[in-house]
Amino acid sequence: MRGNTDRRRGALGAVIAATGTALVVVLFIGSLLWVMLEEGPVPAAVGIMIVYGLFGAAVVIGVFAAMFQRLREIRKGEEENARKY
């Protein structure tokens, strides 16, 4: 059986991975939006900027939703149950 410290390590890994992924997405989308804004607010680009922002927000929300699901699985010990089979 795994100890309690292994569960914390698994939870910490999930949090680090989700935070790192969200940070990369935010930096990528932010840099795209920054470049578009440097050129000046072009009316056609505003729609593209909104779409990029929505896609970035959807990815970040999805990553954190998956992280919370993984943390629930770790707390319940489902990982240990799967090792039996």
PDB file of N, CA and C in Angstrom:
ATOM      1  N   MET A   1       0.832  -1.188   0.000  1.00  0.00           N
ATOM      2  CA  MET A   1       0.000   0.000   0.000  1.00  0.00           C
ATOM      3  C   MET A   1       0.872   1.245   0.000  1.00  0.00           C
ATOM      4  N   ARG A   2       0.395   2.230  -0.676  1.00  0.00           N
ATOM      5  CA  ARG A   2       1.119   3.491  -0.711  1.00  0.00           C
ATOM      6  C   ARG A   2       0.852   4.273   0.559  1.00  0.00           C
ATOM      7  N   GLY A   3       1.851   5.025   0.972  1.00  0.00           N
ATOM      8  CA  GLY A   3       1.694   5.832   2.173  1.00  0.00           C
ATOM      9  C   GLY A   3       1.016   7.154   1.874  1.00  0.00           C
ATOM     10  N   ASN A   4       0.800   7.900   2.934  1.00  0.00           N
ATOM     11  CA  ASN A   4       0.137   9.188   2.814  1.00  0.00           C
ATOM     12  C   ASN A   4       1.010  10.196   2.074  1.00  0.00           C
ATOM     13  N   THR A   5       2.339  10.091   2.226  1.00  0.00           N
ATOM     14  CA  THR A   5       3.225  11.040   1.561  1.00  0.00           C
ATOM     15  C   THR A   5       3.182  10.863   0.047  1.00  0.00           C
ATOM     16  N   ASP A   6       2.952   9.628  -0.435  1.00  0.00           N
ATOM     17  CA  ASP A   6       2.852   9.408  -1.871  1.00  0.00           C
ATOM     18  C   ASP A   6       1.610  10.081  -2.444  1.00  0.00           C
ATOM     19  N   ARG A   7       0.546  10.113  -1.661  1.00  0.00           N
ATOM     20  CA  ARG A   7      -0.670  10.800  -2.122  1.00  0.00           C
ATOM     21  C   ARG A   7      -0.414  12.295  -2.256  1.00  0.00           C
ATOM     22  N   ARG A   8       0.305  12.862  -1.295  1.00  0.00           N
ATOM     23  CA  ARG A   8       0.618  14.285  -1.377  1.00  0.00           C
ATOM     24  C   ARG A   8       1.488  14.579  -2.578  1.00  0.00           C
ATOM     25  N   ARG A   9       2.429  13.689  -2.844  1.00  0.00           N
ATOM     26  CA  ARG A   9       3.311  13.873  -3.992  1.00  0.00           C
ATOM     27  C   ARG A   9       2.519  13.797  -5.294  1.00  0.00           C
ATOM     28  N   GLY A  10       1.561  12.876  -5.367  1.00  0.00           N
ATOM     29  CA  GLY A  10       0.709  12.763  -6.551  1.00  0.00           C
ATOM     30  C   GLY A  10      -0.166  13.985  -6.719  1.00  0.00           C
ATOM     31  N   ALA A  11      -0.682  14.492  -5.608  1.00  0.00           N
ATOM     32  CA  ALA A  11      -1.516  15.695  -5.665  1.00  0.00           C
ATOM     33  C   ALA A  11      -0.672  16.901  -6.061  1.00  0.00           C
ATOM     34  N   LEU A  12       0.525  16.991  -5.527  1.00  0.00           N
ATOM     35  CA  LEU A  12       1.407  18.105  -5.868  1.00  0.00           C
ATOM     36  C   LEU A  12       1.783  18.064  -7.345  1.00  0.00           C
ATOM     37  N   GLY A  13       2.012  16.881  -7.869  1.00  0.00           N
ATOM     38  CA  GLY A  13       2.324  16.747  -9.282  1.00  0.00           C
ATOM     39  C   GLY A  13       1.173  17.194 -10.170  1.00  0.00           C
ATOM     40  N   ALA A  14      -0.052  16.861  -9.771  1.00  0.00           N
ATOM     41  CA  ALA A  14      -1.224  17.281 -10.540  1.00  0.00           C
ATOM     42  C   ALA A  14      -1.377  18.794 -10.523  1.00  0.00           C
ATOM     43  N   VAL A  15      -1.141  19.408  -9.364  1.00  0.00           N
ATOM     44  CA  VAL A  15      -1.260  20.859  -9.246  1.00  0.00           C
ATOM     45  C   VAL A  15      -0.176  21.553 -10.060  1.00  0.00           C
ATOM     46  N   ILE A  16       1.055  21.058  -9.995  1.00  0.00           N
ATOM     47  CA  ILE A  16       2.152  21.665 -10.743  1.00  0.00           C
ATOM     48  C   ILE A  16       1.915  21.546 -12.245  1.00  0.00           C
ATOM     49  N   ALA A  17       1.481  20.384 -12.698  1.00  0.00           N
ATOM     50  CA  ALA A  17       1.233  20.186 -14.131  1.00  0.00           C
ATOM     51  C   ALA A  17       0.108  21.088 -14.633  1.00  0.00           C
ATOM     52  N   ALA A  18      -0.976  21.184 -13.877  1.00  0.00           N
ATOM     53  CA  ALA A  18      -2.100  22.028 -14.296  1.00  0.00           C
ATOM     54  C   ALA A  18      -1.710  23.500 -14.296  1.00  0.00           C
ATOM     55  N   THR A  19      -0.996  23.923 -13.272  1.00  0.00           N
ATOM     56  CA  THR A  19      -0.579  25.321 -13.196  1.00  0.00           C
ATOM     57  C   THR A  19       0.396  25.658 -14.313  1.00  0.00           C
ATOM     58  N   GLY A  20       1.330  24.763 -14.583  1.00  0.00           N
ATOM     59  CA  GLY A  20       2.283  24.998 -15.668  1.00  0.00           C
ATOM     60  C   GLY A  20       1.605  25.072 -17.024  1.00  0.00           C
ATOM     61  N   THR A  21       0.668  24.175 -17.261  1.00  0.00           N
ATOM     62  CA  THR A  21      -0.057  24.189 -18.532  1.00  0.00           C
ATOM     63  C   THR A  21      -0.879  25.464 -18.680  1.00  0.00           C
ATOM     64  N   ALA A  22      -1.568  25.855 -17.619  1.00  0.00           N
ATOM     65  CA  ALA A  22      -2.371  27.079 -17.665  1.00  0.00           C
ATOM     66  C   ALA A  22      -1.476  28.296 -17.880  1.00  0.00           C
ATOM     67  N   LEU A  23      -0.317  28.309 -17.253  1.00  0.00           N
ATOM     68  CA  LEU A  23       0.610  29.432 -17.426  1.00  0.00           C
ATOM     69  C   LEU A  23       1.102  29.536 -18.860  1.00  0.00           C
ATOM     70  N   VAL A  24       1.430  28.418 -19.475  1.00  0.00           N
ATOM     71  CA  VAL A  24       1.877  28.418 -20.869  1.00  0.00           C
ATOM     72  C   VAL A  24       0.775  28.925 -21.790  1.00  0.00           C
ATOM     73  N   VAL A  25      -0.450  28.469 -21.574  1.00  0.00           N
ATOM     74  CA  VAL A  25      -1.572  28.905 -22.412  1.00  0.00           C
ATOM     75  C   VAL A  25      -1.814  30.401 -22.239  1.00  0.00           C
ATOM     76  N   VAL A  26      -1.797  30.881 -21.004  1.00  0.00           N
ATOM     77  CA  VAL A  26      -2.029  32.306 -20.750  1.00  0.00           C
ATOM     78  C   VAL A  26      -0.923  33.144 -21.391  1.00  0.00           C
ATOM     79  N   LEU A  27       0.328  32.714 -21.262  1.00  0.00           N
ATOM     80  CA  LEU A  27       1.427  33.458 -21.877  1.00  0.00           C
ATOM     81  C   LEU A  27       1.326  33.453 -23.402  1.00  0.00           C
ATOM     82  N   PHE A  28       0.958  32.327 -23.979  1.00  0.00           N
ATOM     83  CA  PHE A  28       0.839  32.231 -25.429  1.00  0.00           C
ATOM     84  C   PHE A  28      -0.278  33.127 -25.950  1.00  0.00           C
ATOM     85  N   ILE A  29      -1.454  32.995 -25.370  1.00  0.00           N
ATOM     86  CA  ILE A  29      -2.595  33.805 -25.806  1.00  0.00           C
ATOM     87  C   ILE A  29      -2.321  35.288 -25.517  1.00  0.00           C
ATOM     88  N   GLY A  30      -1.742  35.572 -24.364  1.00  0.00           N
ATOM     89  CA  GLY A  30      -1.415  36.951 -24.026  1.00  0.00           C
ATOM     90  C   GLY A  30      -0.435  37.576 -24.998  1.00  0.00           C
ATOM     91  N   SER A  31       0.568  36.801 -25.415  1.00  0.00           N
ATOM     92  CA  SER A  31       1.534  37.347 -26.376  1.00  0.00           C
ATOM     93  C   SER A  31       0.881  37.589 -27.736  1.00  0.00           C
ATOM     94  N   LEU A  32      -0.016  36.702 -28.147  1.00  0.00           N
ATOM     95  CA  LEU A  32      -0.739  36.928 -29.400  1.00  0.00           C
ATOM     96  C   LEU A  32      -1.588  38.193 -29.329  1.00  0.00           C
ATOM     97  N   LEU A  33      -2.285  38.360 -28.223  1.00  0.00           N
ATOM     98  CA  LEU A  33      -3.132  39.542 -28.068  1.00  0.00           C
ATOM     99  C   LEU A  33      -2.294  40.811 -27.981  1.00  0.00           C
ATOM    100  N   TRP A  34      -1.146  40.727 -27.332  1.00  0.00           N
ATOM    101  CA  TRP A  34      -0.269  41.888 -27.188  1.00  0.00           C
ATOM    102  C   TRP A  34       0.244  42.344 -28.554  1.00  0.00           C
ATOM    103  N   VAL A  35       0.655  41.393 -29.374  1.00  0.00           N
ATOM    104  CA  VAL A  35       1.126  41.736 -30.717  1.00  0.00           C
ATOM    105  C   VAL A  35       0.012  42.383 -31.528  1.00  0.00           C
ATOM    106  N   MET A  36      -1.194  41.866 -31.409  1.00  0.00           N
ATOM    107  CA  MET A  36      -2.319  42.452 -32.142  1.00  0.00           C
ATOM    108  C   MET A  36      -2.622  43.866 -31.653  1.00  0.00           C
ATOM    109  N   LEU A  37      -2.501  44.100 -30.360  1.00  0.00           N
ATOM    110  CA  LEU A  37      -2.792  45.426 -29.820  1.00  0.00           C
ATOM    111  C   LEU A  37      -1.694  46.432 -30.163  1.00  0.00           C
ATOM    112  N   GLU A  38      -0.456  45.980 -30.311  1.00  0.00           N
ATOM    113  CA  GLU A  38       0.639  46.879 -30.674  1.00  0.00           C
ATOM    114  C   GLU A  38       0.423  47.499 -32.049  1.00  0.00           C
ATOM    115  N   GLU A  39      -0.197  46.748 -32.924  1.00  0.00           N
ATOM    116  CA  GLU A  39      -0.452  47.237 -34.274  1.00  0.00           C
ATOM    117  C   GLU A  39      -1.567  48.278 -34.297  1.00  0.00           C
ATOM    118  N   GLY A  40      -2.277  48.396 -33.223  1.00  0.00           N
ATOM    119  CA  GLY A  40      -3.409  49.313 -33.159  1.00  0.00           C
ATOM    120  C   GLY A  40      -4.696  48.520 -33.234  1.00  0.00           C
ATOM    121  N   PRO A  41      -5.728  49.018 -32.584  1.00  0.00           N
ATOM    122  CA  PRO A  41      -7.002  48.284 -32.572  1.00  0.00           C
ATOM    123  C   PRO A  41      -7.689  48.307 -33.941  1.00  0.00           C
ATOM    124  N   VAL A  42      -7.472  47.275 -34.708  1.00  0.00           N
ATOM    125  CA  VAL A  42      -8.132  47.129 -36.008  1.00  0.00           C
ATOM    126  C   VAL A  42      -9.471  46.447 -35.751  1.00  0.00           C
ATOM    127  N   PRO A  43     -10.557  46.983 -36.269  1.00  0.00           N
ATOM    128  CA  PRO A  43     -11.887  46.398 -35.970  1.00  0.00           C
ATOM    129  C   PRO A  43     -11.991  44.915 -36.323  1.00  0.00           C
ATOM    130  N   ALA A  44     -11.373  44.494 -37.405  1.00  0.00           N
ATOM    131  CA  ALA A  44     -11.452  43.079 -37.779  1.00  0.00           C
ATOM    132  C   ALA A  44     -10.672  42.212 -36.793  1.00  0.00           C
ATOM    133  N   ALA A  45      -9.603  42.750 -36.213  1.00  0.00           N
ATOM    134  CA  ALA A  45      -8.774  41.983 -35.285  1.00  0.00           C
ATOM    135  C   ALA A  45      -9.437  41.835 -33.917  1.00  0.00           C
ATOM    136  N   VAL A  46     -10.360  42.708 -33.589  1.00  0.00           N
ATOM    137  CA  VAL A  46     -11.020  42.627 -32.281  1.00  0.00           C
ATOM    138  C   VAL A  46     -11.798  41.323 -32.159  1.00  0.00           C
ATOM    139  N   GLY A  47     -12.463  40.908 -33.212  1.00  0.00           N
ATOM    140  CA  GLY A  47     -13.185  39.636 -33.193  1.00  0.00           C
ATOM    141  C   GLY A  47     -12.250  38.453 -33.020  1.00  0.00           C
ATOM    142  N   ILE A  48     -11.118  38.507 -33.703  1.00  0.00           N
ATOM    143  CA  ILE A  48     -10.125  37.436 -33.567  1.00  0.00           C
ATOM    144  C   ILE A  48      -9.570  37.415 -32.144  1.00  0.00           C
ATOM    145  N   MET A  49      -9.330  38.588 -31.577  1.00  0.00           N
ATOM    146  CA  MET A  49      -8.816  38.664 -30.214  1.00  0.00           C
ATOM    147  C   MET A  49      -9.809  38.079 -29.216  1.00  0.00           C
ATOM    148  N   ILE A  50     -11.079  38.341 -29.440  1.00  0.00           N
ATOM    149  CA  ILE A  50     -12.103  37.789 -28.545  1.00  0.00           C
ATOM    150  C   ILE A  50     -12.130  36.268 -28.652  1.00  0.00           C
ATOM    151  N   VAL A  51     -12.029  35.747 -29.864  1.00  0.00           N
ATOM    152  CA  VAL A  51     -12.034  34.289 -30.060  1.00  0.00           C
ATOM    153  C   VAL A  51     -10.805  33.664 -29.388  1.00  0.00           C
ATOM    154  N   TYR A  52      -9.612  34.275 -29.579  1.00  0.00           N
ATOM    155  CA  TYR A  52      -8.405  33.766 -28.922  1.00  0.00           C
ATOM    156  C   TYR A  52      -8.561  33.781 -27.408  1.00  0.00           C
ATOM    157  N   GLY A  53      -9.107  34.855 -26.887  1.00  0.00           N
ATOM    158  CA  GLY A  53      -9.314  34.948 -25.444  1.00  0.00           C
ATOM    159  C   GLY A  53     -10.266  33.888 -24.930  1.00  0.00           C
ATOM    160  N   LEU A  54     -11.338  33.635 -25.674  1.00  0.00           N
ATOM    161  CA  LEU A  54     -12.304  32.609 -25.260  1.00  0.00           C
ATOM    162  C   LEU A  54     -11.692  31.212 -25.315  1.00  0.00           C
ATOM    163  N   PHE A  55     -10.931  30.935 -26.375  1.00  0.00           N
ATOM    164  CA  PHE A  55     -10.270  29.630 -26.467  1.00  0.00           C
ATOM    165  C   PHE A  55      -9.265  29.441 -25.332  1.00  0.00           C
ATOM    166  N   GLY A  56      -8.501  30.467 -25.045  1.00  0.00           N
ATOM    167  CA  GLY A  56      -7.543  30.384 -23.938  1.00  0.00           C
ATOM    168  C   GLY A  56      -8.232  30.150 -22.616  1.00  0.00           C
ATOM    169  N   ALA A  57      -9.327  30.872 -22.379  1.00  0.00           N
ATOM    170  CA  ALA A  57     -10.076  30.697 -21.131  1.00  0.00           C
ATOM    171  C   ALA A  57     -10.667  29.289 -21.047  1.00  0.00           C
ATOM    172  N   ALA A  58     -11.163  28.765 -22.163  1.00  0.00           N
ATOM    173  CA  ALA A  58     -11.726  27.410 -22.166  1.00  0.00           C
ATOM    174  C   ALA A  58     -10.666  26.364 -21.841  1.00  0.00           C
ATOM    175  N   VAL A  59      -9.472  26.543 -22.387  1.00  0.00           N
ATOM    176  CA  VAL A  59      -8.397  25.588 -22.110  1.00  0.00           C
ATOM    177  C   VAL A  59      -8.000  25.641 -20.641  1.00  0.00           C
ATOM    178  N   VAL A  60      -7.849  26.833 -20.095  1.00  0.00           N
ATOM    179  CA  VAL A  60      -7.451  26.979 -18.693  1.00  0.00           C
ATOM    180  C   VAL A  60      -8.526  26.394 -17.777  1.00  0.00           C
ATOM    181  N   ILE A  61      -9.785  26.664 -18.053  1.00  0.00           N
ATOM    182  CA  ILE A  61     -10.877  26.117 -17.237  1.00  0.00           C
ATOM    183  C   ILE A  61     -10.890  24.591 -17.327  1.00  0.00           C
ATOM    184  N   GLY A  62     -10.697  24.048 -18.520  1.00  0.00           N
ATOM    185  CA  GLY A  62     -10.657  22.594 -18.688  1.00  0.00           C
ATOM    186  C   GLY A  62      -9.502  21.941 -17.957  1.00  0.00           C
ATOM    187  N   VAL A  63      -8.348  22.587 -17.984  1.00  0.00           N
ATOM    188  CA  VAL A  63      -7.174  22.040 -17.294  1.00  0.00           C
ATOM    189  C   VAL A  63      -7.412  22.004 -15.789  1.00  0.00           C
ATOM    190  N   PHE A  64      -7.963  23.086 -15.246  1.00  0.00           N
ATOM    191  CA  PHE A  64      -8.203  23.095 -13.806  1.00  0.00           C
ATOM    192  C   PHE A  64      -9.350  22.158 -13.412  1.00  0.00           C
ATOM    193  N   ALA A  65     -10.333  21.979 -14.271  1.00  0.00           N
ATOM    194  CA  ALA A  65     -11.397  21.008 -13.986  1.00  0.00           C
ATOM    195  C   ALA A  65     -10.822  19.592 -13.938  1.00  0.00           C
ATOM    196  N   ALA A  66      -9.932  19.284 -14.877  1.00  0.00           N
ATOM    197  CA  ALA A  66      -9.286  17.969 -14.868  1.00  0.00           C
ATOM    198  C   ALA A  66      -8.414  17.793 -13.635  1.00  0.00           C
ATOM    199  N   MET A  67      -7.750  18.873 -13.206  1.00  0.00           N
ATOM    200  CA  MET A  67      -6.918  18.796 -12.010  1.00  0.00           C
ATOM    201  C   MET A  67      -7.763  18.497 -10.781  1.00  0.00           C
ATOM    202  N   PHE A  68      -8.909  19.181 -10.642  1.00  0.00           N
ATOM    203  CA  PHE A  68      -9.763  18.918  -9.485  1.00  0.00           C
ATOM    204  C   PHE A  68     -10.316  17.495  -9.508  1.00  0.00           C
ATOM    205  N   GLN A  69     -10.621  16.982 -10.683  1.00  0.00           N
ATOM    206  CA  GLN A  69     -11.079  15.599 -10.794  1.00  0.00           C
ATOM    207  C   GLN A  69      -9.971  14.639 -10.375  1.00  0.00           C
ATOM    208  N   ARG A  70      -8.754  14.923 -10.799  1.00  0.00           N
ATOM    209  CA  ARG A  70      -7.611  14.073 -10.433  1.00  0.00           C
ATOM    210  C   ARG A  70      -7.355  14.130  -8.927  1.00  0.00           C
ATOM    211  N   LEU A  71      -7.487  15.293  -8.334  1.00  0.00           N
ATOM    212  CA  LEU A  71      -7.283  15.400  -6.885  1.00  0.00           C
ATOM    213  C   LEU A  71      -8.343  14.605  -6.123  1.00  0.00           C
ATOM    214  N   ARG A  72      -9.579  14.606  -6.626  1.00  0.00           N
ATOM    215  CA  ARG A  72     -10.631  13.785  -6.008  1.00  0.00           C
ATOM    216  C   ARG A  72     -10.286  12.307  -6.102  1.00  0.00           C
ATOM    217  N   GLU A  73      -9.762  11.879  -7.258  1.00  0.00           N
ATOM    218  CA  GLU A  73      -9.385  10.478  -7.424  1.00  0.00           C
ATOM    219  C   GLU A  73      -8.258  10.100  -6.469  1.00  0.00           C
ATOM    220  N   ILE A  74      -7.307  10.984  -6.294  1.00  0.00           N
ATOM    221  CA  ILE A  74      -6.196  10.698  -5.391  1.00  0.00           C
ATOM    222  C   ILE A  74      -6.694  10.588  -3.958  1.00  0.00           C
ATOM    223  N   ARG A  75      -7.590  11.491  -3.539  1.00  0.00           N
ATOM    224  CA  ARG A  75      -8.128  11.443  -2.182  1.00  0.00           C
ATOM    225  C   ARG A  75      -8.917  10.162  -1.928  1.00  0.00           C
ATOM    226  N   LYS A  76      -9.659   9.699  -2.927  1.00  0.00           N
ATOM    227  CA  LYS A  76     -10.471   8.487  -2.761  1.00  0.00           C
ATOM    228  C   LYS A  76      -9.633   7.219  -2.823  1.00  0.00           C
ATOM    229  N   GLY A  77      -8.421   7.307  -3.325  1.00  0.00           N
ATOM    230  CA  GLY A  77      -7.576   6.135  -3.419  1.00  0.00           C
ATOM    231  C   GLY A  77      -7.896   5.261  -4.608  1.00  0.00           C
ATOM    232  N   GLU A  78      -8.500   5.821  -5.642  1.00  0.00           N
ATOM    233  CA  GLU A  78      -8.852   5.032  -6.821  1.00  0.00           C
ATOM    234  C   GLU A  78      -7.622   4.508  -7.537  1.00  0.00           C
ATOM    235  N   GLU A  79      -6.515   5.218  -7.398  1.00  0.00           N
ATOM    236  CA  GLU A  79      -5.277   4.764  -8.043  1.00  0.00           C
ATOM    237  C   GLU A  79      -4.835   3.422  -7.449  1.00  0.00           C
ATOM    238  N   GLU A  80      -4.997   3.286  -6.131  1.00  0.00           N
ATOM    239  CA  GLU A  80      -4.611   2.035  -5.467  1.00  0.00           C
ATOM    240  C   GLU A  80      -5.550   0.897  -5.858  1.00  0.00           C
ATOM    241  N   ASN A  81      -6.808   1.193  -6.073  1.00  0.00           N
ATOM    242  CA  ASN A  81      -7.769   0.158  -6.491  1.00  0.00           C
ATOM    243  C   ASN A  81      -7.440  -0.349  -7.877  1.00  0.00           C
ATOM    244  N   ALA A  82      -6.996   0.521  -8.751  1.00  0.00           N
ATOM    245  CA  ALA A  82      -6.672   0.116 -10.126  1.00  0.00           C
ATOM    246  C   ALA A  82      -5.440  -0.781 -10.173  1.00  0.00           C
ATOM    247  N   ARG A  83      -4.561  -0.666  -9.206  1.00  0.00           N
ATOM    248  CA  ARG A  83      -3.342  -1.498  -9.187  1.00  0.00           C
ATOM    249  C   ARG A  83      -3.642  -2.966  -8.900  1.00  0.00           C
ATOM    250  N   LYS A  84      -4.810  -3.243  -8.370  1.00  0.00           N
ATOM    251  CA  LYS A  84      -5.163  -4.622  -8.041  1.00  0.00           C
ATOM    252  C   LYS A  84      -5.406  -5.459  -9.288  1.00  0.00           C
ATOM    253  N   TYR A  85      -5.712  -4.821 -10.406  1.00  0.00           N
ATOM    254  CA  TYR A  85      -6.118  -5.554 -11.593  1.00  0.00           C
ATOM    255  C   TYR A  85      -5.064  -5.590 -12.628  1.00  0.00           C
TER     256      TYR A  85
END
